[in-house]
């Protein structure tokens, strides 16, 4: 058997990749009124502009159930669980509570990805590929930690109302109230979502987004992901530019943000997530 890698649905991994690498995915929750919907499991139809829609983390019980199943599948080799930044969600803390109650707690390792979306997903891929190659628990864990520390995230949002409501943005006062004349380009720094810069037009903002990603990728090859919410044409354009501009690009994934992230970013958001050195 082999070490099993677990993540949560915010990682936005394409289903075929998760299945190919035997990655277990714990759903986060979308709350619509009094209904709790499991992301990626239950049918969902969201009005992203509604102020009655919000999100919640997976519970310790849900996480423990998946960790225990992964432990059994590993045949005792161990589990590495890579989750959305603890600064952005309570999932990592819930995972810590879940592990504390497990008999095999010493063989279940938690990793704070310091990111969200495919900035979590790319480190998950790196770890799962090492696991599939027969690497030990320590090696798979170290791979996930190192990849999480290298990953970079840049997000262009169309409007800031959802971020304002969700309270996920650090230094929010730096630009709230100015969105009519600027387009905010955001980044994740040490697990926190922060303002990178304010740009006057959306076209210039996209140029800044691409430039930031190219700079973060470096010269030695990188895995790159482009995510969006209701902005497929823009995402494909950005992906084409990155394919041409990132030296030795090793992998390029284009995917939508799932509802648990999209609720906070809003329709029209486009993000680029970069893992220098790639996921191999």
Protein backbone atom coordinates (compact mmCIF):
# COMPACT_ATOMS: atom_id res chain seq x y z
CA UNK A 1 0.00 0.00 0.00
CA UNK A 2 1.02 3.67 -0.07
CA UNK A 3 0.57 6.86 1.89
CA UNK A 4 -2.85 8.38 1.13
CA UNK A 5 -3.21 12.11 0.55
CA UNK A 6 -6.36 13.92 1.68
CA UNK A 7 -7.52 17.44 0.91
CA UNK A 8 -10.73 19.47 1.00
CA UNK A 9 -12.97 20.58 -1.83
CA UNK A 10 -11.58 24.13 -1.83
CA UNK A 11 -8.46 22.68 -3.52
CA UNK A 12 -10.50 22.65 -6.77
CA UNK A 13 -8.78 19.55 -8.13
CA UNK A 14 -10.20 18.21 -11.38
CA UNK A 15 -12.05 15.01 -10.51
CA UNK A 16 -10.05 12.88 -12.94
CA UNK A 17 -6.74 13.94 -11.35
CA UNK A 18 -7.99 13.23 -7.84
CA UNK A 19 -9.23 9.79 -8.92
CA UNK A 20 -6.03 8.96 -10.78
CA UNK A 21 -3.89 9.71 -7.72
CA UNK A 22 -6.32 8.24 -5.14
CA UNK A 23 -6.70 11.62 -3.40
CA UNK A 24 -9.52 11.72 -0.86
CA UNK A 25 -11.51 14.97 -0.90
CA UNK A 26 -13.55 16.23 2.07
CA UNK A 27 -16.39 18.56 1.05
CA UNK A 28 -16.70 22.03 2.56
CA UNK A 29 -20.18 23.42 3.12
CA UNK A 30 -22.20 26.08 1.35
CA UNK A 31 -24.98 27.51 3.51
CA UNK A 32 -28.06 28.81 1.73
CA UNK A 33 -30.60 29.94 4.29
CA UNK A 34 -31.08 26.95 6.57
CA UNK A 35 -29.69 24.45 4.06
CA UNK A 36 -26.15 23.05 4.32
CA UNK A 37 -24.88 21.79 0.96
CA UNK A 38 -21.71 19.70 0.55
CA UNK A 39 -19.49 21.20 -2.11
CA UNK A 40 -18.83 18.76 -4.94
CA UNK A 41 -21.32 16.24 -3.59
CA UNK A 42 -24.80 17.77 -3.47
CA UNK A 43 -26.51 19.57 -6.37
CA UNK A 44 -26.19 23.32 -5.95
CA UNK A 45 -27.54 26.44 -7.63
CA UNK A 46 -26.15 29.67 -6.18
CA UNK A 47 -27.01 33.32 -6.50
CA UNK A 48 -23.52 34.66 -5.82
CA UNK A 49 -24.85 38.15 -5.22
CA UNK A 50 -27.10 37.06 -2.35
CA UNK A 51 -26.15 38.14 1.15
CA UNK A 52 -27.83 35.03 2.60
CA UNK A 53 -25.25 32.65 1.12
CA UNK A 54 -22.15 31.79 3.12
CA UNK A 55 -19.74 28.91 3.77
CA UNK A 56 -18.52 26.72 6.61
CA UNK A 57 -15.65 24.35 7.20
CA UNK A 58 -15.83 20.58 7.31
CA UNK A 59 -16.55 19.33 10.84
CA UNK A 60 -14.06 17.34 12.94
CA UNK A 61 -16.36 14.33 12.61
CA UNK A 62 -16.46 14.54 8.82
CA UNK A 63 -12.70 14.91 8.62
CA UNK A 64 -12.06 12.08 11.05
CA UNK A 65 -14.24 9.74 9.00
CA UNK A 66 -12.22 10.46 5.85
CA UNK A 67 -8.88 10.30 7.68
CA UNK A 68 -9.76 6.91 9.15
CA UNK A 69 -10.85 5.54 5.79
CA UNK A 70 -7.63 6.87 4.22
CA UNK A 71 -5.61 5.26 7.04
CA UNK A 72 -7.19 1.89 6.34
CA UNK A 73 -6.56 2.26 2.59
CA UNK A 74 -2.92 3.08 3.25
CA UNK A 75 -2.44 -0.23 5.02
CA UNK A 76 -0.78 1.60 7.89
CA UNK A 77 1.66 3.61 5.75
CA UNK A 78 0.01 6.85 6.84
CA UNK A 79 -2.04 9.86 5.76
CA UNK A 80 -1.04 13.39 4.75
CA UNK A 81 -3.93 15.89 4.81
CA UNK A 82 -3.32 19.19 3.00
CA UNK A 83 -5.96 21.84 3.68
CA UNK A 84 -6.93 25.40 2.85
CA UNK A 85 -5.06 28.07 4.84
CA UNK A 86 -6.07 28.21 8.47
CA UNK A 87 -6.23 32.01 8.05
CA UNK A 88 -9.11 31.59 5.59
CA UNK A 89 -11.06 28.63 6.98
CA UNK A 90 -11.57 26.60 10.14
CA UNK A 91 -10.93 23.34 8.26
CA UNK A 92 -7.31 22.89 9.35
CA UNK A 93 -8.23 23.42 13.01
CA UNK A 94 -11.13 20.99 12.65
CA UNK A 95 -8.67 18.51 11.17
CA UNK A 96 -6.37 18.95 14.15
CA UNK A 97 -9.28 18.13 16.49
CA UNK A 98 -10.13 15.09 14.39
CA UNK A 99 -6.59 13.72 14.50
CA UNK A 100 -6.37 14.22 18.24
CA UNK A 101 -9.19 11.71 18.70
CA UNK A 102 -7.75 9.04 16.40
CA UNK A 103 -5.90 5.91 17.52
CA UNK A 104 -3.45 6.34 14.63
CA UNK A 105 -2.84 10.03 15.30
CA UNK A 106 0.93 9.65 14.97
CA UNK A 107 0.52 8.45 11.36
CA UNK A 108 -1.78 11.26 10.20
CA UNK A 109 0.04 14.48 9.32
CA UNK A 110 -1.72 17.81 8.71
CA UNK A 111 -0.39 20.49 6.38
CA UNK A 112 -1.58 24.10 6.22
CA UNK A 113 -1.24 24.85 2.51
CA UNK A 114 -1.04 28.60 3.23
CA UNK A 115 -3.28 29.01 0.21
CA UNK A 116 -6.66 28.30 -1.32
CA UNK A 117 -7.99 26.90 -4.56
CA UNK A 118 -5.32 25.30 -6.68
CA UNK A 119 -2.65 26.93 -4.50
CA UNK A 120 -3.75 24.12 -2.20
CA UNK A 121 -4.39 21.72 -5.07
CA UNK A 122 -0.93 21.94 -6.65
CA UNK A 123 0.89 20.96 -3.41
CA UNK A 124 -1.66 18.16 -3.04
CA UNK A 125 -0.71 16.90 -6.50
CA UNK A 126 2.99 17.07 -5.65
CA UNK A 127 2.47 15.07 -2.47
CA UNK A 128 0.15 12.52 -4.08
CA UNK A 129 2.59 11.86 -6.91
CA UNK A 130 5.36 11.15 -4.42
CA UNK A 131 3.00 8.88 -2.49
CA UNK A 132 2.06 6.99 -5.64
CA UNK A 133 5.76 6.50 -6.31
CA UNK A 134 6.11 4.71 -2.98
CA UNK A 135 7.61 7.52 -0.89
CA UNK A 136 7.50 7.29 2.89
CA UNK A 137 5.17 9.27 5.13
CA UNK A 138 7.98 11.68 6.04
CA UNK A 139 8.85 12.31 2.39
CA UNK A 140 5.24 12.85 1.33
CA UNK A 141 4.68 15.23 4.25
CA UNK A 142 7.88 17.18 3.55
CA UNK A 143 6.93 17.43 -0.13
CA UNK A 144 3.54 18.93 0.77
CA UNK A 145 5.06 21.41 3.22
CA UNK A 146 7.79 22.52 0.80
CA UNK A 147 5.36 22.90 -2.11
CA UNK A 148 2.92 24.88 0.04
CA UNK A 149 5.70 27.29 1.01
CA UNK A 150 6.61 27.84 -2.67
CA UNK A 151 3.10 28.28 -4.08
CA UNK A 152 1.99 31.77 -5.05
CA UNK A 153 -1.52 33.12 -5.61
CA UNK A 154 -2.73 36.22 -7.47
CA UNK A 155 -6.43 37.02 -7.90
CA UNK A 156 -8.23 39.73 -9.80
CA UNK A 157 -11.76 40.32 -8.50
CA UNK A 158 -14.48 42.12 -10.37
CA UNK A 159 -16.20 43.55 -7.29
CA UNK A 160 -15.38 43.54 -3.59
CA UNK A 161 -18.82 43.18 -2.01
CA UNK A 162 -18.45 39.46 -1.30
CA UNK A 163 -15.01 39.96 0.24
CA UNK A 164 -16.38 42.73 2.40
CA UNK A 165 -19.21 40.50 3.66
CA UNK A 166 -17.01 37.46 4.21
CA UNK A 167 -14.27 39.26 6.11
CA UNK A 168 -11.54 37.16 4.44
CA UNK A 169 -9.40 40.09 3.28
CA UNK A 170 -6.58 41.56 5.37
CA UNK A 171 -5.99 45.34 5.19
CA UNK A 172 -9.50 45.70 3.78
CA UNK A 173 -9.67 49.40 4.56
CA UNK A 174 -6.90 49.95 2.01
CA UNK A 175 -9.38 49.90 -0.84
CA UNK A 176 -12.97 49.29 0.18
CA UNK A 177 -15.06 52.14 -1.13
CA UNK A 178 -12.76 52.79 -4.09
CA UNK A 179 -13.81 49.95 -6.39
CA UNK A 180 -15.64 52.26 -8.79
CA UNK A 181 -12.33 53.71 -9.95
CA UNK A 182 -9.93 50.82 -9.37
CA UNK A 183 -9.65 47.07 -9.89
CA UNK A 184 -8.06 45.29 -6.92
CA UNK A 185 -5.36 42.71 -7.60
CA UNK A 186 -5.04 40.44 -4.56
CA UNK A 187 -2.44 37.96 -3.39
CA UNK A 188 -2.11 35.41 -0.62
CA UNK A 189 0.81 36.05 1.72
CA UNK A 190 1.57 33.58 4.54
CA UNK A 191 -1.96 32.28 4.28
CA UNK A 192 -3.68 35.68 4.37
CA UNK A 193 -5.54 37.31 1.49
CA UNK A 194 -4.11 40.79 0.95
CA UNK A 195 -4.29 43.65 -1.50
CA UNK A 196 -1.32 43.59 -3.91
CA UNK A 197 -2.16 46.76 -5.83
CA UNK A 198 -5.00 48.83 -7.24
CA UNK A 199 -5.19 49.15 -11.03
CA UNK A 200 -7.26 51.69 -12.96
CA UNK A 201 -8.68 49.45 -15.68
CA UNK A 202 -9.50 45.76 -16.00
CA UNK A 203 -7.23 45.37 -19.04
CA UNK A 204 -4.27 46.76 -17.11
CA UNK A 205 -5.22 44.60 -14.15
CA UNK A 206 -5.03 41.47 -16.33
CA UNK A 207 -1.60 42.56 -17.56
CA UNK A 208 -0.47 42.98 -13.95
CA UNK A 209 -1.92 39.56 -13.07
CA UNK A 210 0.01 37.84 -15.85
CA UNK A 211 3.23 39.72 -15.05
CA UNK A 212 3.02 38.76 -11.37
CA UNK A 213 2.54 35.10 -12.26
CA UNK A 214 5.43 35.06 -14.74
CA UNK A 215 7.72 36.66 -12.18
CA UNK A 216 6.68 34.14 -9.50
CA UNK A 217 7.21 31.18 -11.85
CA UNK A 218 10.92 31.90 -12.27
CA UNK A 219 13.20 30.44 -14.91
CA UNK A 220 13.29 26.75 -13.96
CA UNK A 221 9.80 25.65 -14.88
CA UNK A 222 6.61 25.77 -12.87
CA UNK A 223 3.16 24.28 -12.58
CA UNK A 224 0.53 26.93 -13.24
CA UNK A 225 -3.22 26.98 -12.71
CA UNK A 226 -5.76 29.54 -13.86
CA UNK A 227 -9.07 29.65 -12.02
CA UNK A 228 -12.15 31.72 -12.61
CA UNK A 229 -15.78 32.18 -11.70
CA UNK A 230 -17.98 32.81 -14.71
CA UNK A 231 -15.07 34.23 -16.73
CA UNK A 232 -13.95 31.32 -18.91
CA UNK A 233 -12.93 33.44 -21.91
CA UNK A 234 -10.73 35.67 -19.75
CA UNK A 235 -9.21 32.64 -18.03
CA UNK A 236 -8.39 30.96 -21.34
CA UNK A 237 -6.77 34.16 -22.60
CA UNK A 238 -4.63 34.37 -19.46
CA UNK A 239 -3.72 30.67 -19.79
CA UNK A 240 -2.61 31.17 -23.40
CA UNK A 241 -0.41 34.09 -22.39
CA UNK A 242 1.14 32.13 -19.53
CA UNK A 243 1.82 29.13 -21.76
CA UNK A 244 3.86 31.42 -23.98
CA UNK A 245 5.54 33.49 -21.25
CA UNK A 246 6.46 31.06 -18.46
CA UNK A 247 9.83 29.45 -19.28
CA UNK A 248 9.65 25.65 -19.37
CA UNK A 249 6.09 25.53 -18.04
CA UNK A 250 5.57 22.00 -16.72
CA UNK A 251 1.82 21.82 -16.23
CA UNK A 252 -1.14 24.11 -16.89
CA UNK A 253 -4.58 23.58 -15.40
CA UNK A 254 -7.64 25.74 -16.11
CA UNK A 255 -10.56 25.28 -13.71
CA UNK A 256 -13.44 27.10 -12.09
CA UNK A 257 -13.40 28.24 -8.50
CA UNK A 258 -15.79 26.06 -6.53
CA UNK A 259 -18.73 27.61 -4.69
CA UNK A 260 -16.93 27.68 -1.32
CA UNK A 261 -14.37 30.12 -2.75
CA UNK A 262 -16.56 31.71 -5.40
CA UNK A 263 -18.99 32.98 -2.78
CA UNK A 264 -16.20 35.14 -1.35
CA UNK A 265 -14.57 36.18 -4.66
CA UNK A 266 -17.64 36.92 -6.76
CA UNK A 267 -18.52 36.37 -10.40
CA UNK A 268 -15.82 37.58 -12.77
CA UNK A 269 -12.89 36.65 -10.52
CA UNK A 270 -9.79 35.26 -12.23
CA UNK A 271 -6.82 33.86 -10.33
CA UNK A 272 -3.40 32.50 -11.23
CA UNK A 273 -1.74 29.99 -8.92
CA UNK A 274 1.91 29.17 -9.45
CA UNK A 275 4.12 26.41 -8.05
CA UNK A 276 7.77 27.03 -8.99
CA UNK A 277 9.53 23.76 -9.69
CA UNK A 278 6.28 22.03 -10.56
CA UNK A 279 4.35 19.15 -9.01
CA UNK A 280 6.45 16.21 -10.22
